N, C-alpha and C. Protein backbone atom coordinates (compact mmCIF):
# COMPACT_ATOMS: atom_id res chain seq x y z
N MET A 1 14.11 -23.59 25.69
CA MET A 1 12.98 -24.06 25.03
C MET A 1 13.26 -25.02 23.88
N SER A 2 12.44 -26.03 23.79
CA SER A 2 12.81 -27.10 22.70
C SER A 2 12.32 -26.55 21.37
N LYS A 3 12.75 -27.06 20.36
CA LYS A 3 12.46 -26.73 18.90
C LYS A 3 11.04 -26.84 18.62
N SER A 4 10.39 -28.01 19.17
CA SER A 4 9.11 -28.15 18.91
C SER A 4 8.14 -27.15 19.65
N LYS A 5 8.48 -26.74 20.79
CA LYS A 5 7.70 -25.74 21.45
C LYS A 5 7.84 -24.33 20.87
N LEU A 6 9.06 -24.02 20.33
CA LEU A 6 9.44 -22.83 19.64
C LEU A 6 8.44 -22.72 18.27
N PHE A 7 8.56 -23.92 17.66
CA PHE A 7 7.69 -23.97 16.38
C PHE A 7 6.18 -23.75 16.58
N VAL A 8 5.71 -24.37 17.56
CA VAL A 8 4.21 -24.24 17.98
C VAL A 8 3.87 -22.74 18.38
N LEU A 9 4.90 -22.11 19.07
CA LEU A 9 4.68 -20.77 19.49
C LEU A 9 4.77 -19.74 18.35
N ALA A 10 5.65 -20.13 17.34
CA ALA A 10 5.83 -19.25 16.22
C ALA A 10 4.58 -19.48 15.32
N ALA A 11 4.02 -20.57 15.24
CA ALA A 11 2.93 -20.86 14.43
C ALA A 11 1.76 -20.25 14.96
N ALA A 12 1.59 -20.29 16.30
CA ALA A 12 0.35 -19.51 16.95
C ALA A 12 0.44 -18.18 16.70
N VAL A 13 1.53 -17.42 16.86
CA VAL A 13 1.68 -16.00 16.70
C VAL A 13 1.40 -15.59 15.23
N PHE A 14 1.86 -16.47 14.25
CA PHE A 14 1.49 -16.16 12.80
C PHE A 14 0.00 -16.31 12.58
N VAL A 15 -0.59 -17.36 13.14
CA VAL A 15 -2.03 -17.66 12.85
C VAL A 15 -2.83 -16.46 13.49
N PHE A 16 -2.48 -16.04 14.75
CA PHE A 16 -3.40 -15.01 15.40
C PHE A 16 -3.02 -13.74 14.61
N GLY A 17 -1.77 -13.44 14.14
CA GLY A 17 -1.59 -12.26 13.45
C GLY A 17 -2.44 -12.20 12.16
N VAL A 18 -2.60 -13.19 11.36
CA VAL A 18 -3.38 -13.32 10.25
C VAL A 18 -4.84 -13.10 10.57
N ILE A 19 -5.42 -13.64 11.60
CA ILE A 19 -6.68 -13.52 11.96
C ILE A 19 -6.90 -12.08 12.33
N ALA A 20 -5.99 -11.53 13.08
CA ALA A 20 -6.26 -10.08 13.47
C ALA A 20 -6.23 -9.14 12.35
N VAL A 21 -5.46 -9.34 11.37
CA VAL A 21 -5.41 -8.53 10.13
C VAL A 21 -6.57 -8.72 9.29
N GLY A 22 -6.96 -9.91 9.12
CA GLY A 22 -8.21 -10.37 8.28
C GLY A 22 -9.59 -9.85 9.03
N THR A 23 -9.65 -9.65 10.20
CA THR A 23 -10.89 -9.30 10.83
C THR A 23 -10.92 -7.76 10.96
N GLY A 24 -9.87 -7.11 10.67
CA GLY A 24 -9.87 -5.58 10.74
C GLY A 24 -9.30 -4.99 12.12
N CYS A 25 -8.71 -5.89 12.91
CA CYS A 25 -8.21 -5.29 14.11
C CYS A 25 -7.01 -4.29 13.83
N GLY A 26 -7.26 -3.07 14.28
CA GLY A 26 -6.24 -2.28 14.03
C GLY A 26 -6.17 -1.56 12.64
N GLY A 27 -7.09 -2.06 11.68
CA GLY A 27 -7.04 -1.61 10.36
C GLY A 27 -7.77 -0.32 10.05
N LYS A 28 -7.78 0.19 8.96
CA LYS A 28 -8.40 1.54 8.66
C LYS A 28 -10.00 1.27 8.29
N ASP A 29 -10.66 2.18 8.62
CA ASP A 29 -12.09 2.17 8.17
C ASP A 29 -12.22 2.08 6.51
N LYS A 30 -12.87 1.21 6.14
CA LYS A 30 -13.06 1.00 4.65
C LYS A 30 -13.56 2.41 4.02
N ALA A 31 -14.35 3.12 4.62
CA ALA A 31 -14.89 4.42 3.86
C ALA A 31 -13.68 5.44 3.87
N GLN A 32 -12.65 5.32 4.79
CA GLN A 32 -11.66 6.32 4.69
C GLN A 32 -10.40 5.84 3.92
N THR A 33 -10.46 4.63 3.34
CA THR A 33 -9.24 4.29 2.68
C THR A 33 -9.12 5.03 1.25
N LYS A 34 -7.98 5.47 0.90
CA LYS A 34 -7.65 6.05 -0.52
C LYS A 34 -7.46 5.02 -1.61
N VAL A 35 -7.85 5.46 -2.79
CA VAL A 35 -7.51 4.52 -3.84
C VAL A 35 -5.93 4.67 -4.15
N LYS A 36 -5.34 3.48 -4.13
CA LYS A 36 -3.90 3.40 -4.23
C LYS A 36 -3.51 3.50 -5.80
N PRO A 37 -2.50 4.14 -6.08
CA PRO A 37 -2.03 4.13 -7.45
C PRO A 37 -1.46 2.77 -7.91
N ASP A 38 -1.69 2.57 -9.23
CA ASP A 38 -1.04 1.32 -9.68
C ASP A 38 0.39 1.46 -9.98
N VAL A 39 0.87 2.70 -10.30
CA VAL A 39 2.24 2.87 -10.59
C VAL A 39 2.67 4.32 -9.50
N VAL A 40 3.81 4.09 -8.86
CA VAL A 40 4.26 5.41 -8.13
C VAL A 40 5.72 5.60 -8.75
N ILE A 41 5.85 6.95 -9.12
CA ILE A 41 7.15 7.35 -9.73
C ILE A 41 7.66 8.37 -8.83
N TRP A 42 8.96 8.22 -8.39
CA TRP A 42 9.55 9.16 -7.49
C TRP A 42 10.38 10.02 -8.37
N HIS A 43 10.47 11.19 -8.03
CA HIS A 43 11.34 12.22 -8.78
C HIS A 43 11.69 13.33 -7.88
N TRP A 44 12.66 14.21 -8.45
CA TRP A 44 13.32 15.23 -7.59
C TRP A 44 13.01 16.58 -8.18
N MET A 45 12.17 16.76 -9.21
CA MET A 45 11.93 17.86 -9.92
C MET A 45 10.74 18.65 -9.36
N THR A 46 10.82 19.29 -8.23
CA THR A 46 9.68 19.95 -7.59
C THR A 46 9.10 20.99 -8.38
N ASP A 47 9.71 21.65 -9.36
CA ASP A 47 9.29 22.69 -10.18
C ASP A 47 8.21 22.15 -11.35
N ARG A 48 8.26 20.82 -11.46
CA ARG A 48 7.45 20.18 -12.51
C ARG A 48 6.24 19.35 -12.06
N GLN A 49 5.83 19.52 -10.79
CA GLN A 49 4.83 18.58 -10.14
C GLN A 49 3.61 18.84 -10.98
N ALA A 50 3.15 20.05 -11.25
CA ALA A 50 1.89 20.32 -11.89
C ALA A 50 1.79 19.58 -13.26
N ALA A 51 2.83 19.72 -14.00
CA ALA A 51 2.91 18.96 -15.23
C ALA A 51 2.96 17.54 -15.13
N PHE A 52 3.44 16.93 -14.04
CA PHE A 52 3.42 15.50 -13.85
C PHE A 52 2.13 15.10 -13.52
N ASP A 53 1.36 15.80 -12.65
CA ASP A 53 -0.11 15.55 -12.31
C ASP A 53 -0.86 15.55 -13.51
N LYS A 54 -0.67 16.44 -14.44
CA LYS A 54 -1.56 16.59 -15.61
C LYS A 54 -1.32 15.37 -16.48
N LEU A 55 -0.08 14.85 -16.63
CA LEU A 55 0.32 13.81 -17.48
C LEU A 55 -0.34 12.54 -16.81
N ALA A 56 -0.34 12.43 -15.37
CA ALA A 56 -0.87 11.30 -14.78
C ALA A 56 -2.33 11.19 -15.02
N ALA A 57 -3.12 12.38 -14.97
CA ALA A 57 -4.58 12.27 -15.21
C ALA A 57 -4.80 11.95 -16.74
N GLN A 58 -4.09 12.49 -17.55
CA GLN A 58 -4.23 12.16 -19.08
C GLN A 58 -4.06 10.60 -19.25
N TYR A 59 -2.92 10.09 -18.62
CA TYR A 59 -2.63 8.71 -18.79
C TYR A 59 -3.83 7.85 -18.11
N PHE A 60 -4.37 8.31 -16.99
CA PHE A 60 -5.47 7.51 -16.39
C PHE A 60 -6.65 7.50 -17.41
N ASN A 61 -6.97 8.72 -17.87
CA ASN A 61 -8.04 8.75 -18.75
C ASN A 61 -8.04 7.91 -20.09
N GLU A 62 -6.61 7.69 -20.50
CA GLU A 62 -6.51 6.93 -21.76
C GLU A 62 -6.44 5.34 -21.52
N THR A 63 -5.73 5.03 -20.27
CA THR A 63 -5.49 3.70 -20.13
C THR A 63 -6.08 3.02 -18.86
N GLY A 64 -6.61 3.85 -17.91
CA GLY A 64 -7.23 3.40 -16.75
C GLY A 64 -6.26 3.03 -15.64
N VAL A 65 -5.03 3.28 -15.88
CA VAL A 65 -4.00 2.88 -14.80
C VAL A 65 -3.70 4.27 -14.01
N ARG A 66 -3.77 4.15 -12.87
CA ARG A 66 -3.51 5.25 -11.90
C ARG A 66 -2.01 5.41 -11.78
N VAL A 67 -1.46 6.63 -11.85
CA VAL A 67 -0.02 6.90 -11.71
C VAL A 67 0.13 8.00 -10.68
N SER A 68 0.94 7.81 -9.93
CA SER A 68 1.36 9.00 -8.80
C SER A 68 2.71 9.31 -8.92
N PHE A 69 3.01 10.72 -8.96
CA PHE A 69 4.26 11.16 -9.04
C PHE A 69 4.64 11.67 -7.64
N GLU A 70 5.58 11.24 -7.00
CA GLU A 70 5.91 11.68 -5.60
C GLU A 70 7.35 12.31 -5.66
N THR A 71 7.47 13.48 -5.00
CA THR A 71 8.70 14.23 -5.01
C THR A 71 9.51 13.82 -3.65
N TYR A 72 10.85 13.50 -4.12
CA TYR A 72 11.72 12.95 -2.92
C TYR A 72 13.04 13.73 -3.00
């Protein structure tokens, strides 16, 4: 396959992919989407999750920034 045909094929795949994502093909229903946090903090301290959640709620109330603490 020549370079020009390969370029056209790649461009077409890209354009159709953008159109599919933009129109909602395979996307989630807007009513079911969760609010994403602004900051995600990973930690390993499983015994402190309740304290971290309380701090995240307090920080959101004071600043409006959503923080999520995730255990890994």
